[in-house]
Amino acid sequence: MKHVITLDTALKVNDKEIKKVEIDFDKVNGRVLLECEKLVKGLGDNSVILPLSMTFQAMVASKIIGVPYDDLLDLPSSDFLKVTNEVRAFLMR
């Protein structure tokens, strides 16, 4: 299940500008989700319902898209929310 999100502001990764990100949920397996859980808990996120955590959503998105987590955090809020909302919808279904 792939979703393409067009960003209003390009995501800058390794001197490349990315205007469209592809979120392919078929790339996600249990290992990816558990790795993301471990990483966000290491960042201090103690959310009871992890799929509602924006930190967790962003971490999952970074793994799926293949960009550094910190680069996603630098997106303007409107673009960041487009990405995290897509991940949240997937995680909560």
C-alpha atoms as a PDB file:
ATOM      1  CA  MET A   1       0.000   0.000   0.000  1.00  0.00           C
ATOM      2  CA  LYS A   2       1.779   3.103  -1.286  1.00  0.00           C
ATOM      3  CA  HIS A   3       0.919   6.722  -0.687  1.00  0.00           C
ATOM      4  CA  VAL A   4       2.655   9.649  -2.361  1.00  0.00           C
ATOM      5  CA  ILE A   5       2.701  12.918  -0.464  1.00  0.00           C
ATOM      6  CA  THR A   6       3.569  16.153  -2.227  1.00  0.00           C
ATOM      7  CA  LEU A   7       5.378  18.492   0.123  1.00  0.00           C
ATOM      8  CA  ASP A   8       4.904  22.249   0.017  1.00  0.00           C
ATOM      9  CA  THR A   9       8.554  22.711   0.976  1.00  0.00           C
ATOM     10  CA  ALA A  10      11.217  20.360  -0.321  1.00  0.00           C
ATOM     11  CA  LEU A  11      12.825  17.957   2.121  1.00  0.00           C
ATOM     12  CA  LYS A  12      16.593  18.435   1.998  1.00  0.00           C
ATOM     13  CA  VAL A  13      18.612  15.224   2.318  1.00  0.00           C
ATOM     14  CA  ASN A  14      22.309  14.969   1.388  1.00  0.00           C
ATOM     15  CA  ASP A  15      22.129  18.123  -0.752  1.00  0.00           C
ATOM     16  CA  LYS A  16      19.099  16.729  -2.610  1.00  0.00           C
ATOM     17  CA  GLU A  17      15.679  18.312  -2.541  1.00  0.00           C
ATOM     18  CA  ILE A  18      12.750  15.924  -2.346  1.00  0.00           C
ATOM     19  CA  LYS A  19       9.350  17.364  -3.214  1.00  0.00           C
ATOM     20  CA  LYS A  20       7.395  14.082  -3.181  1.00  0.00           C
ATOM     21  CA  VAL A  21       7.775  11.326  -0.632  1.00  0.00           C
ATOM     22  CA  GLU A  22       6.502   7.818  -1.137  1.00  0.00           C
ATOM     23  CA  ILE A  23       5.233   6.040   1.930  1.00  0.00           C
ATOM     24  CA  ASP A  24       5.057   2.336   1.168  1.00  0.00           C
ATOM     25  CA  PHE A  25       3.503   0.550   4.115  1.00  0.00           C
ATOM     26  CA  ASP A  26       4.386  -2.794   2.545  1.00  0.00           C
ATOM     27  CA  LYS A  27       7.979  -2.035   3.642  1.00  0.00           C
ATOM     28  CA  VAL A  28       6.893  -2.146   7.285  1.00  0.00           C
ATOM     29  CA  ASN A  29       7.172  -5.319   9.296  1.00  0.00           C
ATOM     30  CA  GLY A  30       7.197  -6.070  12.996  1.00  0.00           C
ATOM     31  CA  ARG A  31      10.950  -5.570  13.227  1.00  0.00           C
ATOM     32  CA  VAL A  32      10.687  -2.035  11.850  1.00  0.00           C
ATOM     33  CA  LEU A  33       7.919  -1.119  14.290  1.00  0.00           C
ATOM     34  CA  LEU A  34       9.753  -2.596  17.288  1.00  0.00           C
ATOM     35  CA  GLU A  35      12.974  -0.854  16.282  1.00  0.00           C
ATOM     36  CA  CYS A  36      11.066   2.438  16.077  1.00  0.00           C
ATOM     37  CA  GLU A  37       9.481   1.788  19.470  1.00  0.00           C
ATOM     38  CA  LYS A  38      12.899   1.202  21.024  1.00  0.00           C
ATOM     39  CA  LEU A  39      14.342   4.334  19.412  1.00  0.00           C
ATOM     40  CA  VAL A  40      11.524   6.652  20.507  1.00  0.00           C
ATOM     41  CA  LYS A  41      11.589   5.298  24.044  1.00  0.00           C
ATOM     42  CA  GLY A  42      15.312   6.081  24.022  1.00  0.00           C
ATOM     43  CA  LEU A  43      14.350   9.640  23.115  1.00  0.00           C
ATOM     44  CA  GLY A  44      12.175   9.775  26.232  1.00  0.00           C
ATOM     45  CA  ASP A  45       8.767   9.190  24.634  1.00  0.00           C
ATOM     46  CA  ASN A  46       6.672   7.251  27.135  1.00  0.00           C
ATOM     47  CA  SER A  47       3.355   7.487  25.310  1.00  0.00           C
ATOM     48  CA  VAL A  48       0.841   4.910  26.452  1.00  0.00           C
ATOM     49  CA  ILE A  49      -0.703   4.587  22.980  1.00  0.00           C
ATOM     50  CA  LEU A  50       2.381   4.614  20.782  1.00  0.00           C
ATOM     51  CA  PRO A  51       0.605   5.024  17.411  1.00  0.00           C
ATOM     52  CA  LEU A  52      -0.692   8.401  18.646  1.00  0.00           C
ATOM     53  CA  SER A  53       2.838   9.631  19.408  1.00  0.00           C
ATOM     54  CA  MET A  54       4.105  12.053  16.778  1.00  0.00           C
ATOM     55  CA  THR A  55       7.631  10.986  17.698  1.00  0.00           C
ATOM     56  CA  PHE A  56       6.768   7.371  16.872  1.00  0.00           C
ATOM     57  CA  GLN A  57       4.914   8.383  13.696  1.00  0.00           C
ATOM     58  CA  ALA A  58       7.900  10.426  12.511  1.00  0.00           C
ATOM     59  CA  MET A  59      10.327   7.612  13.323  1.00  0.00           C
ATOM     60  CA  VAL A  60       8.231   5.096  11.363  1.00  0.00           C
ATOM     61  CA  ALA A  61       7.964   7.557   8.454  1.00  0.00           C
ATOM     62  CA  SER A  62      11.719   8.100   8.410  1.00  0.00           C
ATOM     63  CA  LYS A  63      12.316   4.350   8.192  1.00  0.00           C
ATOM     64  CA  ILE A  64       9.753   3.884   5.419  1.00  0.00           C
ATOM     65  CA  ILE A  65      10.866   6.894   3.371  1.00  0.00           C
ATOM     66  CA  GLY A  66      14.539   6.227   3.995  1.00  0.00           C
ATOM     67  CA  VAL A  67      15.469   9.663   5.282  1.00  0.00           C
ATOM     68  CA  PRO A  68      17.045  10.642   8.590  1.00  0.00           C
ATOM     69  CA  TYR A  69      14.564  11.234  11.418  1.00  0.00           C
ATOM     70  CA  ASP A  70      16.025  14.673  12.124  1.00  0.00           C
ATOM     71  CA  ASP A  71      15.483  15.746   8.518  1.00  0.00           C
ATOM     72  CA  LEU A  72      11.760  15.007   8.866  1.00  0.00           C
ATOM     73  CA  LEU A  73      11.662  17.108  12.025  1.00  0.00           C
ATOM     74  CA  ASP A  74      12.970  20.074  10.033  1.00  0.00           C
ATOM     75  CA  LEU A  75       9.924  20.081   7.737  1.00  0.00           C
ATOM     76  CA  PRO A  76       7.461  22.943   8.157  1.00  0.00           C
ATOM     77  CA  SER A  77       4.543  21.904  10.350  1.00  0.00           C
ATOM     78  CA  SER A  78       2.070  21.573   7.458  1.00  0.00           C
ATOM     79  CA  ASP A  79       4.330  19.096   5.643  1.00  0.00           C
ATOM     80  CA  PHE A  80       5.321  17.316   8.844  1.00  0.00           C
ATOM     81  CA  LEU A  81       1.648  16.795   9.672  1.00  0.00           C
ATOM     82  CA  LYS A  82       0.884  15.483   6.175  1.00  0.00           C
ATOM     83  CA  VAL A  83       3.504  12.786   6.688  1.00  0.00           C
ATOM     84  CA  THR A  84       2.730  11.915  10.307  1.00  0.00           C
ATOM     85  CA  ASN A  85      -1.046  11.902   9.751  1.00  0.00           C
ATOM     86  CA  GLU A  86      -0.616   9.373   6.946  1.00  0.00           C
ATOM     87  CA  VAL A  87       1.438   7.115   9.231  1.00  0.00           C
ATOM     88  CA  ARG A  88      -1.006   7.537  12.120  1.00  0.00           C
ATOM     89  CA  ALA A  89      -3.920   6.541   9.896  1.00  0.00           C
ATOM     90  CA  PHE A  90      -2.060   3.388   8.911  1.00  0.00           C
ATOM     91  CA  LEU A  91      -1.062   2.531  12.486  1.00  0.00           C
ATOM     92  CA  MET A  92      -4.564   3.065  13.888  1.00  0.00           C
ATOM     93  CA  ARG A  93      -6.504   0.978  11.374  1.00  0.00           C
END
